[in-house]
Amino acid sequence: MPDATAMRCASGHSFDLAKEGYVNLLPAGRLKGRPAGDDDSMGRARRLVFDAGLYQPIIDRVAAVAAAQAPAFVLDAGCGEGSYLAAVTTAAGAEGWGIDVSKAAVKLAARRVRGHHFAVASSYALPFADEVFDVVINVFSPRDVAEMRRVLRPDGVAIVVTPGPDHLHELKATVYTDARRHRIDDDPAGVQHDEVVGFEVTLDDPQHRLALLRMTPFWWSATQQRRDDVVAGLTSVTVDMRLRVFANPV
């Protein structure tokens, strides 16, 4: 449970809140000093894209699907810089909890999304008791659906968003000589709702083109020339996402 300066578990352990308002629950030395998850530049790039409204249709759809459950408590398992959790909790009037393996991303989330609770933690070992959340969301983040179900109440749902086959294909085609379509993830049984959310994004601002590339894993494999090509000539992209709702229990 949280107080003004720390979070405490039922076993009596206490975890101090950082000045931004989050706690770090990852085991010490987990990655031997290497940063985990998105770095600060990726988190800020993602926020620039979201603040510009470029992904607003999917943010709004996730918020609407979550709000339809009338949740009191929502967890974003892989919250990144916090935009999806902020939209969901605003739409639902719910209390929000966000975890991410990236300390940089959690810092950004905690600074902006005030009044909710954030921790640096793994989505494969969620630091919560069983059956405490009405809704768990996971957008483009590593996940363990069984672990998400563990922390859901019996009538709760998990909302999972993954890339569709044509997601950001124009961006990939600029970065890679042989751009391949995304493979659709196979998830366990229990899907009660499955939909495609697709739309086109116009990129009039070169800063948005750069930010879109920087927020994706494509950034790391793009040569400087390919990055320059994106900034100079990528004027639109296809957003192709698959939104699935998993019932709990199966």
C-alpha atoms as a PDB file:
ATOM      1  CA  MET A   1       0.000   0.000   0.000  1.00  0.00           C
ATOM      2  CA  PRO A   2       1.289   3.540  -0.729  1.00  0.00           C
ATOM      3  CA  ASP A   3       1.782   6.439   1.664  1.00  0.00           C
ATOM      4  CA  ALA A   4       3.407   9.834   1.188  1.00  0.00           C
ATOM      5  CA  THR A   5       6.974   8.537   1.075  1.00  0.00           C
ATOM      6  CA  ALA A   6       6.944   4.787   0.468  1.00  0.00           C
ATOM      7  CA  MET A   7       5.060   1.669  -0.583  1.00  0.00           C
ATOM      8  CA  ARG A   8       4.788  -1.249   1.819  1.00  0.00           C
ATOM      9  CA  CYS A   9       3.853  -4.859   1.208  1.00  0.00           C
ATOM     10  CA  ALA A  10       1.928  -7.254   3.437  1.00  0.00           C
ATOM     11  CA  SER A  11       5.224  -8.807   4.585  1.00  0.00           C
ATOM     12  CA  GLY A  12       6.364  -5.477   5.997  1.00  0.00           C
ATOM     13  CA  HIS A  13       8.915  -4.562   3.325  1.00  0.00           C
ATOM     14  CA  SER A  14       9.134  -0.844   2.538  1.00  0.00           C
ATOM     15  CA  PHE A  15      10.120   0.729  -0.800  1.00  0.00           C
ATOM     16  CA  ASP A  16      10.948   4.427  -0.841  1.00  0.00           C
ATOM     17  CA  LEU A  17       9.280   6.671  -3.384  1.00  0.00           C
ATOM     18  CA  ALA A  18      11.602   8.539  -5.742  1.00  0.00           C
ATOM     19  CA  LYS A  19      11.069  12.281  -5.997  1.00  0.00           C
ATOM     20  CA  GLU A  20       9.021  11.712  -9.162  1.00  0.00           C
ATOM     21  CA  GLY A  21       6.629   9.492  -7.185  1.00  0.00           C
ATOM     22  CA  TYR A  22       7.527   5.928  -8.254  1.00  0.00           C
ATOM     23  CA  VAL A  23       9.244   2.957  -6.620  1.00  0.00           C
ATOM     24  CA  ASN A  24      11.874   0.612  -8.034  1.00  0.00           C
ATOM     25  CA  LEU A  25      10.921  -3.044  -7.483  1.00  0.00           C
ATOM     26  CA  LEU A  26      13.412  -4.697  -9.833  1.00  0.00           C
ATOM     27  CA  PRO A  27      15.976  -6.934  -8.095  1.00  0.00           C
ATOM     28  CA  ALA A  28      19.376  -5.299  -7.673  1.00  0.00           C
ATOM     29  CA  GLY A  29      21.855  -6.260 -10.400  1.00  0.00           C
ATOM     30  CA  ARG A  30      19.135  -7.784 -12.566  1.00  0.00           C
ATOM     31  CA  LEU A  31      20.830  -6.722 -15.794  1.00  0.00           C
ATOM     32  CA  LYS A  32      24.354  -6.158 -14.476  1.00  0.00           C
ATOM     33  CA  GLY A  33      24.249  -2.405 -14.905  1.00  0.00           C
ATOM     34  CA  ARG A  34      22.722  -2.345 -18.394  1.00  0.00           C
ATOM     35  CA  PRO A  35      19.607  -0.175 -18.799  1.00  0.00           C
ATOM     36  CA  ALA A  36      16.350  -2.080 -19.276  1.00  0.00           C
ATOM     37  CA  GLY A  37      13.540  -1.280 -21.679  1.00  0.00           C
ATOM     38  CA  ASP A  38      13.183   2.029 -23.502  1.00  0.00           C
ATOM     39  CA  ASP A  39      15.768   4.698 -22.865  1.00  0.00           C
ATOM     40  CA  ASP A  40      14.833   8.314 -22.154  1.00  0.00           C
ATOM     41  CA  SER A  41      15.047   9.390 -25.799  1.00  0.00           C
ATOM     42  CA  MET A  42      12.612   6.657 -26.876  1.00  0.00           C
ATOM     43  CA  GLY A  43      10.159   7.590 -24.134  1.00  0.00           C
ATOM     44  CA  ARG A  44      10.274  11.254 -25.060  1.00  0.00           C
ATOM     45  CA  ALA A  45       9.867  10.433 -28.753  1.00  0.00           C
ATOM     46  CA  ARG A  46       6.804   8.334 -27.968  1.00  0.00           C
ATOM     47  CA  ARG A  47       5.318  11.146 -25.909  1.00  0.00           C
ATOM     48  CA  LEU A  48       5.914  13.646 -28.732  1.00  0.00           C
ATOM     49  CA  VAL A  49       4.023  11.366 -31.137  1.00  0.00           C
ATOM     50  CA  PHE A  50       1.163  10.853 -28.673  1.00  0.00           C
ATOM     51  CA  ASP A  51       0.932  14.541 -27.717  1.00  0.00           C
ATOM     52  CA  ALA A  52       0.702  15.427 -31.413  1.00  0.00           C
ATOM     53  CA  GLY A  53      -2.395  13.203 -31.645  1.00  0.00           C
ATOM     54  CA  LEU A  54      -0.856  10.881 -34.224  1.00  0.00           C
ATOM     55  CA  TYR A  55      -1.953   7.756 -32.334  1.00  0.00           C
ATOM     56  CA  GLN A  56      -5.144   9.220 -30.895  1.00  0.00           C
ATOM     57  CA  PRO A  57      -7.538   6.692 -32.517  1.00  0.00           C
ATOM     58  CA  ILE A  58      -5.894   3.726 -30.788  1.00  0.00           C
ATOM     59  CA  ILE A  59      -5.487   5.591 -27.486  1.00  0.00           C
ATOM     60  CA  ASP A  60      -9.180   6.491 -27.562  1.00  0.00           C
ATOM     61  CA  ARG A  61     -10.210   2.943 -28.488  1.00  0.00           C
ATOM     62  CA  VAL A  62      -8.231   1.363 -25.651  1.00  0.00           C
ATOM     63  CA  ALA A  63      -9.732   3.889 -23.243  1.00  0.00           C
ATOM     64  CA  ALA A  64     -13.271   3.211 -24.478  1.00  0.00           C
ATOM     65  CA  VAL A  65     -12.947  -0.584 -24.256  1.00  0.00           C
ATOM     66  CA  ALA A  66     -11.500  -0.317 -20.751  1.00  0.00           C
ATOM     67  CA  ALA A  67     -14.085   2.218 -19.562  1.00  0.00           C
ATOM     68  CA  ALA A  68     -16.898  -0.073 -20.741  1.00  0.00           C
ATOM     69  CA  GLN A  69     -15.874  -2.426 -17.914  1.00  0.00           C
ATOM     70  CA  ALA A  70     -16.577   0.323 -15.334  1.00  0.00           C
ATOM     71  CA  PRO A  71     -13.290  -0.476 -13.557  1.00  0.00           C
ATOM     72  CA  ALA A  72     -12.275   0.900 -10.177  1.00  0.00           C
ATOM     73  CA  PHE A  73      -8.652  -0.255 -10.428  1.00  0.00           C
ATOM     74  CA  VAL A  74      -6.612  -0.430 -13.647  1.00  0.00           C
ATOM     75  CA  LEU A  75      -3.080  -1.732 -14.216  1.00  0.00           C
ATOM     76  CA  ASP A  76      -0.971  -0.888 -17.257  1.00  0.00           C
ATOM     77  CA  ALA A  77       1.546  -3.735 -17.486  1.00  0.00           C
ATOM     78  CA  GLY A  78       4.198  -2.054 -19.614  1.00  0.00           C
ATOM     79  CA  CYS A  79       3.040   1.525 -19.150  1.00  0.00           C
ATOM     80  CA  GLY A  80       5.894   3.304 -20.926  1.00  0.00           C
ATOM     81  CA  GLU A  81       5.591   7.052 -20.518  1.00  0.00           C
ATOM     82  CA  GLY A  82       2.005   6.772 -19.295  1.00  0.00           C
ATOM     83  CA  SER A  83      -0.239   8.093 -22.076  1.00  0.00           C
ATOM     84  CA  TYR A  84      -2.446   4.998 -22.361  1.00  0.00           C
ATOM     85  CA  LEU A  85      -2.940   4.711 -18.601  1.00  0.00           C
ATOM     86  CA  ALA A  86      -3.783   8.415 -18.394  1.00  0.00           C
ATOM     87  CA  ALA A  87      -6.431   8.060 -21.114  1.00  0.00           C
ATOM     88  CA  VAL A  88      -7.956   4.919 -19.593  1.00  0.00           C
ATOM     89  CA  THR A  89      -8.180   6.252 -16.049  1.00  0.00           C
ATOM     90  CA  THR A  90      -9.625   9.564 -17.254  1.00  0.00           C
ATOM     91  CA  ALA A  91     -12.287   7.804 -19.325  1.00  0.00           C
ATOM     92  CA  ALA A  92     -13.144   5.310 -16.588  1.00  0.00           C
ATOM     93  CA  GLY A  93     -12.702   7.475 -13.505  1.00  0.00           C
ATOM     94  CA  ALA A  94     -10.473   4.706 -12.155  1.00  0.00           C
ATOM     95  CA  GLU A  95      -7.402   4.499  -9.946  1.00  0.00           C
ATOM     96  CA  GLY A  96      -4.352   3.705 -12.043  1.00  0.00           C
ATOM     97  CA  TRP A  97      -1.247   1.622 -11.458  1.00  0.00           C
ATOM     98  CA  GLY A  98       1.571   1.404 -14.004  1.00  0.00           C
ATOM     99  CA  ILE A  99       4.680  -0.752 -14.173  1.00  0.00           C
ATOM    100  CA  ASP A 100       7.467  -0.896 -16.705  1.00  0.00           C
ATOM    101  CA  VAL A 101      10.933  -2.386 -16.792  1.00  0.00           C
ATOM    102  CA  SER A 102      12.267   0.974 -18.058  1.00  0.00           C
ATOM    103  CA  LYS A 103      13.176   3.342 -15.248  1.00  0.00           C
ATOM    104  CA  ALA A 104      13.392   6.245 -17.700  1.00  0.00           C
ATOM    105  CA  ALA A 105       9.854   5.621 -18.947  1.00  0.00           C
ATOM    106  CA  VAL A 106       8.417   5.254 -15.444  1.00  0.00           C
ATOM    107  CA  LYS A 107      10.001   8.564 -14.462  1.00  0.00           C
ATOM    108  CA  LEU A 108       8.249  10.273 -17.370  1.00  0.00           C
ATOM    109  CA  ALA A 109       4.939   8.637 -16.476  1.00  0.00           C
ATOM    110  CA  ALA A 110       5.110   9.501 -12.787  1.00  0.00           C
ATOM    111  CA  ARG A 111       5.961  13.138 -13.491  1.00  0.00           C
ATOM    112  CA  ARG A 112       2.945  13.649 -15.721  1.00  0.00           C
ATOM    113  CA  VAL A 113       0.247  11.242 -14.543  1.00  0.00           C
ATOM    114  CA  ARG A 114      -0.164  12.524 -11.001  1.00  0.00           C
ATOM    115  CA  GLY A 115      -2.444  10.840  -8.494  1.00  0.00           C
ATOM    116  CA  HIS A 116      -1.704   7.316  -9.725  1.00  0.00           C
ATOM    117  CA  HIS A 117       0.968   4.792  -8.752  1.00  0.00           C
ATOM    118  CA  PHE A 118       4.050   3.703 -10.681  1.00  0.00           C
ATOM    119  CA  ALA A 119       6.828   1.183 -10.206  1.00  0.00           C
ATOM    120  CA  VAL A 120       9.831  -0.112 -12.097  1.00  0.00           C
ATOM    121  CA  ALA A 121       8.939  -3.802 -12.324  1.00  0.00           C
ATOM    122  CA  SER A 122       8.626  -6.718 -14.724  1.00  0.00           C
ATOM    123  CA  SER A 123       5.374  -7.689 -16.439  1.00  0.00           C
ATOM    124  CA  TYR A 124       6.494 -11.313 -16.043  1.00  0.00           C
ATOM    125  CA  ALA A 125       6.472 -11.034 -12.236  1.00  0.00           C
ATOM    126  CA  LEU A 126       3.848  -8.434 -11.380  1.00  0.00           C
ATOM    127  CA  PRO A 127       4.367  -7.105  -7.832  1.00  0.00           C
ATOM    128  CA  PHE A 128       0.704  -7.415  -6.866  1.00  0.00           C
ATOM    129  CA  ALA A 129      -1.498  -9.841  -4.969  1.00  0.00           C
ATOM    130  CA  ASP A 130      -3.967 -12.076  -6.777  1.00  0.00           C
ATOM    131  CA  GLU A 131      -7.300 -10.695  -8.017  1.00  0.00           C
ATOM    132  CA  VAL A 132      -6.846  -6.970  -7.344  1.00  0.00           C
ATOM    133  CA  PHE A 133      -7.503  -5.264 -10.708  1.00  0.00           C
ATOM    134  CA  ASP A 134     -10.651  -4.909 -12.782  1.00  0.00           C
ATOM    135  CA  VAL A 135      -8.737  -4.224 -16.007  1.00  0.00           C
ATOM    136  CA  VAL A 136      -5.140  -4.868 -17.046  1.00  0.00           C
ATOM    137  CA  ILE A 137      -3.907  -3.272 -20.268  1.00  0.00           C
ATOM    138  CA  ASN A 138      -0.810  -4.091 -22.270  1.00  0.00           C
ATOM    139  CA  VAL A 139       0.027  -2.109 -25.404  1.00  0.00           C
ATOM    140  CA  PHE A 140       3.012  -3.134 -27.540  1.00  0.00           C
ATOM    141  CA  SER A 141       4.860  -4.475 -24.529  1.00  0.00           C
ATOM    142  CA  PRO A 142       6.258  -7.874 -23.515  1.00  0.00           C
ATOM    143  CA  ARG A 143       3.605  -9.737 -21.551  1.00  0.00           C
ATOM    144  CA  ASP A 144       2.588 -12.905 -19.780  1.00  0.00           C
ATOM    145  CA  VAL A 145      -1.168 -13.292 -20.209  1.00  0.00           C
ATOM    146  CA  ALA A 146      -1.302 -15.862 -17.397  1.00  0.00           C
ATOM    147  CA  GLU A 147       0.380 -13.387 -15.049  1.00  0.00           C
ATOM    148  CA  MET A 148      -2.014 -10.647 -16.142  1.00  0.00           C
ATOM    149  CA  ARG A 149      -4.935 -12.960 -15.382  1.00  0.00           C
ATOM    150  CA  ARG A 150      -3.493 -13.756 -11.950  1.00  0.00           C
ATOM    151  CA  VAL A 151      -3.865 -10.165 -10.791  1.00  0.00           C
ATOM    152  CA  LEU A 152      -7.326  -9.755 -12.365  1.00  0.00           C
ATOM    153  CA  ARG A 153     -10.519 -10.139 -10.402  1.00  0.00           C
ATOM    154  CA  PRO A 154     -12.656 -13.101 -11.532  1.00  0.00           C
ATOM    155  CA  ASP A 155     -14.827 -10.890 -13.739  1.00  0.00           C
ATOM    156  CA  GLY A 156     -11.939  -8.699 -14.926  1.00  0.00           C
ATOM    157  CA  VAL A 157     -10.467  -8.430 -18.421  1.00  0.00           C
ATOM    158  CA  ALA A 158      -7.040  -8.044 -19.988  1.00  0.00           C
ATOM    159  CA  ILE A 159      -6.781  -5.713 -22.995  1.00  0.00           C
ATOM    160  CA  VAL A 160      -3.818  -6.508 -25.247  1.00  0.00           C
ATOM    161  CA  VAL A 161      -2.748  -4.466 -28.288  1.00  0.00           C
ATOM    162  CA  THR A 162      -0.199  -5.863 -30.758  1.00  0.00           C
ATOM    163  CA  PRO A 163       0.958  -4.821 -34.240  1.00  0.00           C
ATOM    164  CA  GLY A 164      -0.968  -6.023 -37.277  1.00  0.00           C
ATOM    165  CA  PRO A 165       0.777  -7.270 -40.426  1.00  0.00           C
ATOM    166  CA  ASP A 166       0.972  -3.837 -42.101  1.00  0.00           C
ATOM    167  CA  HIS A 167       1.840  -1.748 -39.061  1.00  0.00           C
ATOM    168  CA  LEU A 168       4.194   1.106 -40.020  1.00  0.00           C
ATOM    169  CA  HIS A 169       5.009  -0.657 -43.262  1.00  0.00           C
ATOM    170  CA  GLU A 170       6.083   2.560 -45.010  1.00  0.00           C
ATOM    171  CA  LEU A 171       8.529   3.292 -42.194  1.00  0.00           C
ATOM    172  CA  LYS A 172       9.950  -0.221 -42.352  1.00  0.00           C
ATOM    173  CA  ALA A 173      10.287   0.017 -46.141  1.00  0.00           C
ATOM    174  CA  THR A 174      12.383   3.162 -45.743  1.00  0.00           C
ATOM    175  CA  VAL A 175      14.635   1.567 -43.127  1.00  0.00           C
ATOM    176  CA  TYR A 176      15.003  -1.934 -44.597  1.00  0.00           C
ATOM    177  CA  THR A 177      15.779  -3.057 -48.129  1.00  0.00           C
ATOM    178  CA  ASP A 178      13.523  -6.099 -47.693  1.00  0.00           C
ATOM    179  CA  ALA A 179      10.747  -4.981 -45.341  1.00  0.00           C
ATOM    180  CA  ARG A 180       8.681  -7.872 -44.035  1.00  0.00           C
ATOM    181  CA  ARG A 181       5.155  -7.816 -42.688  1.00  0.00           C
ATOM    182  CA  HIS A 182       4.625  -8.261 -38.970  1.00  0.00           C
ATOM    183  CA  ARG A 183       3.812 -11.757 -37.826  1.00  0.00           C
ATOM    184  CA  ILE A 184       0.560 -11.942 -35.872  1.00  0.00           C
ATOM    185  CA  ASP A 185       1.211 -13.067 -32.303  1.00  0.00           C
ATOM    186  CA  ASP A 186      -0.520 -16.222 -31.144  1.00  0.00           C
ATOM    187  CA  ASP A 187      -1.940 -15.776 -27.661  1.00  0.00           C
ATOM    188  CA  PRO A 188      -3.602 -18.319 -25.364  1.00  0.00           C
ATOM    189  CA  ALA A 189      -7.299 -19.113 -25.548  1.00  0.00           C
ATOM    190  CA  GLY A 190      -9.851 -16.958 -23.798  1.00  0.00           C
ATOM    191  CA  VAL A 191     -10.236 -14.101 -26.265  1.00  0.00           C
ATOM    192  CA  GLN A 192     -13.734 -12.657 -25.945  1.00  0.00           C
ATOM    193  CA  HIS A 193     -13.233  -9.775 -28.368  1.00  0.00           C
ATOM    194  CA  ASP A 194     -10.847  -9.294 -31.290  1.00  0.00           C
ATOM    195  CA  GLU A 195     -10.729  -6.253 -33.569  1.00  0.00           C
ATOM    196  CA  VAL A 196      -8.422  -4.452 -35.967  1.00  0.00           C
ATOM    197  CA  VAL A 197      -7.761  -0.758 -35.385  1.00  0.00           C
ATOM    198  CA  GLY A 198      -6.297   0.807 -38.508  1.00  0.00           C
ATOM    199  CA  PHE A 199      -5.771   4.340 -39.725  1.00  0.00           C
ATOM    200  CA  GLU A 200      -3.400   6.487 -41.749  1.00  0.00           C
ATOM    201  CA  VAL A 201      -1.108   9.056 -40.135  1.00  0.00           C
ATOM    202  CA  THR A 202      -0.001  12.125 -42.063  1.00  0.00           C
ATOM    203  CA  LEU A 203       3.499  13.274 -41.145  1.00  0.00           C
ATOM    204  CA  ASP A 204       3.788  16.917 -42.148  1.00  0.00           C
ATOM    205  CA  ASP A 205       6.354  17.774 -39.477  1.00  0.00           C
ATOM    206  CA  PRO A 206       9.905  16.355 -39.883  1.00  0.00           C
ATOM    207  CA  GLN A 207      10.163  16.240 -36.067  1.00  0.00           C
ATOM    208  CA  HIS A 208       7.238  13.838 -35.989  1.00  0.00           C
ATOM    209  CA  ARG A 209       8.886  11.633 -38.620  1.00  0.00           C
ATOM    210  CA  LEU A 210      12.054  11.453 -36.547  1.00  0.00           C
ATOM    211  CA  ALA A 211      10.135  10.819 -33.323  1.00  0.00           C
ATOM    212  CA  LEU A 212       8.092   8.048 -34.910  1.00  0.00           C
ATOM    213  CA  LEU A 213      11.275   6.285 -36.002  1.00  0.00           C
ATOM    214  CA  ARG A 214      12.998   6.871 -32.674  1.00  0.00           C
ATOM    215  CA  MET A 215      10.159   5.342 -30.643  1.00  0.00           C
ATOM    216  CA  THR A 216      10.424   2.041 -32.546  1.00  0.00           C
ATOM    217  CA  PRO A 217      13.020  -0.753 -32.491  1.00  0.00           C
ATOM    218  CA  PHE A 218      13.724   0.125 -36.147  1.00  0.00           C
ATOM    219  CA  TRP A 219      15.809   3.068 -34.912  1.00  0.00           C
ATOM    220  CA  TRP A 220      18.614   0.807 -33.723  1.00  0.00           C
ATOM    221  CA  SER A 221      19.064  -0.951 -37.070  1.00  0.00           C
ATOM    222  CA  ALA A 222      18.677   2.146 -39.265  1.00  0.00           C
ATOM    223  CA  THR A 223      21.831   3.652 -40.720  1.00  0.00           C
ATOM    224  CA  GLN A 224      22.236   7.409 -40.520  1.00  0.00           C
ATOM    225  CA  GLN A 225      21.379   7.624 -44.211  1.00  0.00           C
ATOM    226  CA  ARG A 226      18.141   5.693 -43.648  1.00  0.00           C
ATOM    227  CA  ARG A 227      17.275   7.935 -40.704  1.00  0.00           C
ATOM    228  CA  ASP A 228      17.835  10.958 -42.917  1.00  0.00           C
ATOM    229  CA  ASP A 229      15.616   9.375 -45.589  1.00  0.00           C
ATOM    230  CA  VAL A 230      12.794   8.997 -43.061  1.00  0.00           C
ATOM    231  CA  VAL A 231      13.036  12.627 -41.971  1.00  0.00           C
ATOM    232  CA  ALA A 232      13.256  13.897 -45.542  1.00  0.00           C
ATOM    233  CA  GLY A 233      10.606  11.835 -47.261  1.00  0.00           C
ATOM    234  CA  LEU A 234       8.251   9.836 -45.030  1.00  0.00           C
ATOM    235  CA  THR A 235       4.984  11.769 -45.368  1.00  0.00           C
ATOM    236  CA  SER A 236       2.491   9.150 -44.143  1.00  0.00           C
ATOM    237  CA  VAL A 237       2.346   5.752 -42.477  1.00  0.00           C
ATOM    238  CA  THR A 238      -0.214   3.018 -41.945  1.00  0.00           C
ATOM    239  CA  VAL A 239      -1.095   2.200 -38.354  1.00  0.00           C
ATOM    240  CA  ASP A 240      -2.376  -1.377 -38.180  1.00  0.00           C
ATOM    241  CA  MET A 241      -3.096  -2.741 -34.703  1.00  0.00           C
ATOM    242  CA  ARG A 242      -4.923  -5.719 -33.252  1.00  0.00           C
ATOM    243  CA  LEU A 243      -6.866  -5.186 -30.023  1.00  0.00           C
ATOM    244  CA  ARG A 244      -7.914  -8.262 -28.088  1.00  0.00           C
ATOM    245  CA  VAL A 245      -9.846  -8.590 -24.856  1.00  0.00           C
ATOM    246  CA  PHE A 246      -9.149 -11.674 -22.728  1.00  0.00           C
ATOM    247  CA  ALA A 247     -11.775 -12.849 -20.293  1.00  0.00           C
ATOM    248  CA  ASN A 248     -10.846 -13.980 -16.820  1.00  0.00           C
ATOM    249  CA  PRO A 249     -11.094 -16.813 -16.009  1.00  0.00           C
ATOM    250  CA  VAL A 250     -10.707 -18.760 -19.249  1.00  0.00           C
END
